[in-house]
Amino acid sequence: METTKEFGGLPHALSADEIARIIGPNTVYVREVAVAELKGSGVIPVDAPIPPSQRFFALHAADGRRVAVVDSRDMAFVAARQHELEPVSVH
């Protein structure tokens, strides 16, 4: 993940590590993920009988790593806070 910013008129791509340092190590991002995405990434077995309408929420570290998946947005925020992390919602 790279984000381009201009510093002194010159473009500068921020690395995931730079973004993590700016945001802080205790921030996690909460976003809804589809069943198909979780099955495609190996989090859920491809043949698991889960309806496509089932909602899941992933917590991601500032560098983009997925650190947890839960089935409730509220539970994602509770889990983050229980681990002394600051959750931020991403749409």
Protein backbone atom coordinates (compact mmCIF):
# COMPACT_ATOMS: atom_id res chain seq x y z
CA MET A 1 0.00 0.00 0.00
CA GLU A 2 1.50 3.32 -1.00
CA THR A 3 0.14 6.81 -0.73
CA THR A 4 1.67 9.69 -2.67
CA LYS A 5 2.15 13.01 -0.92
CA GLU A 6 3.99 16.12 -2.02
CA PHE A 7 6.78 17.47 0.13
CA GLY A 8 8.40 20.68 -1.04
CA GLY A 9 6.70 20.28 -4.42
CA LEU A 10 8.20 16.81 -4.95
CA PRO A 11 6.02 13.68 -4.89
CA HIS A 12 6.89 11.21 -2.13
CA ALA A 13 5.37 7.74 -1.83
CA LEU A 14 4.71 6.71 1.76
CA SER A 15 5.44 3.09 2.53
CA ALA A 16 3.23 0.99 4.79
CA ASP A 17 5.85 1.35 7.54
CA GLU A 18 5.84 5.15 7.23
CA ILE A 19 2.05 5.23 7.37
CA ALA A 20 2.09 2.97 10.45
CA ARG A 21 4.58 5.30 12.19
CA ILE A 22 2.47 8.39 11.39
CA ILE A 23 -0.82 6.86 12.47
CA GLY A 24 0.56 5.03 15.47
CA PRO A 25 1.06 1.40 16.36
CA ASN A 26 -2.16 1.16 18.37
CA THR A 27 -4.60 2.06 15.59
CA VAL A 28 -6.55 -0.69 13.83
CA TYR A 29 -8.99 -0.31 10.96
CA VAL A 30 -12.36 -2.05 11.00
CA ARG A 31 -14.02 -2.81 7.69
CA GLU A 32 -16.76 -5.10 6.48
CA VAL A 33 -15.56 -8.04 4.40
CA ALA A 34 -17.59 -10.30 2.16
CA VAL A 35 -17.79 -14.06 2.65
CA ALA A 36 -16.30 -14.53 -0.82
CA GLU A 37 -13.24 -12.44 0.13
CA LEU A 38 -12.67 -14.50 3.26
CA LYS A 39 -13.11 -17.77 1.36
CA GLY A 40 -10.74 -16.53 -1.36
CA SER A 41 -8.04 -15.70 1.17
CA GLY A 42 -8.27 -18.99 3.06
CA VAL A 43 -9.77 -17.54 6.25
CA ILE A 44 -12.93 -19.60 5.67
CA PRO A 45 -12.89 -22.95 3.82
CA VAL A 46 -14.20 -22.58 0.27
CA ASP A 47 -16.86 -25.24 0.83
CA ALA A 48 -18.11 -23.82 4.16
CA PRO A 49 -21.93 -23.49 4.09
CA ILE A 50 -22.03 -19.79 4.96
CA PRO A 51 -24.69 -17.67 3.22
CA PRO A 52 -23.30 -14.81 1.11
CA SER A 53 -25.42 -12.40 3.15
CA GLN A 54 -23.48 -13.20 6.36
CA ARG A 55 -21.58 -10.12 7.54
CA PHE A 56 -18.00 -10.23 8.79
CA PHE A 57 -15.70 -7.46 9.97
CA ALA A 58 -11.93 -7.50 9.73
CA LEU A 59 -9.47 -5.59 11.88
CA HIS A 60 -6.37 -4.43 10.01
CA ALA A 61 -3.11 -3.05 11.36
CA ALA A 62 -1.88 0.26 9.93
CA ASP A 63 0.37 -1.63 7.51
CA GLY A 64 -2.66 -3.45 6.06
CA ARG A 65 -2.20 -6.84 7.73
CA ARG A 66 -5.46 -8.49 8.72
CA VAL A 67 -5.21 -9.24 12.44
CA ALA A 68 -8.70 -10.54 13.22
CA VAL A 69 -12.10 -11.36 11.73
CA VAL A 70 -15.34 -11.30 13.72
CA ASP A 71 -19.03 -11.45 12.83
CA SER A 72 -20.11 -8.18 14.40
CA ARG A 73 -18.96 -4.59 13.98
CA ASP A 74 -19.57 -3.94 17.67
CA MET A 75 -17.50 -7.00 18.59
CA ALA A 76 -14.66 -5.75 16.36
CA PHE A 77 -14.55 -2.48 18.32
CA VAL A 78 -14.79 -4.30 21.68
CA ALA A 79 -12.01 -6.72 20.73
CA ALA A 80 -9.75 -3.87 19.62
CA ARG A 81 -10.27 -1.95 22.85
CA GLN A 82 -9.76 -5.07 24.97
CA HIS A 83 -6.31 -5.32 23.38
CA GLU A 84 -5.58 -1.63 24.01
CA LEU A 85 -6.01 -0.73 20.34
CA GLU A 86 -7.86 2.26 18.93
CA PRO A 87 -10.38 1.13 16.29
CA VAL A 88 -11.21 3.33 13.29
CA SER A 89 -14.01 2.50 10.87
CA VAL A 90 -13.17 2.24 7.17
CA HIS A 91 -15.84 2.11 4.47
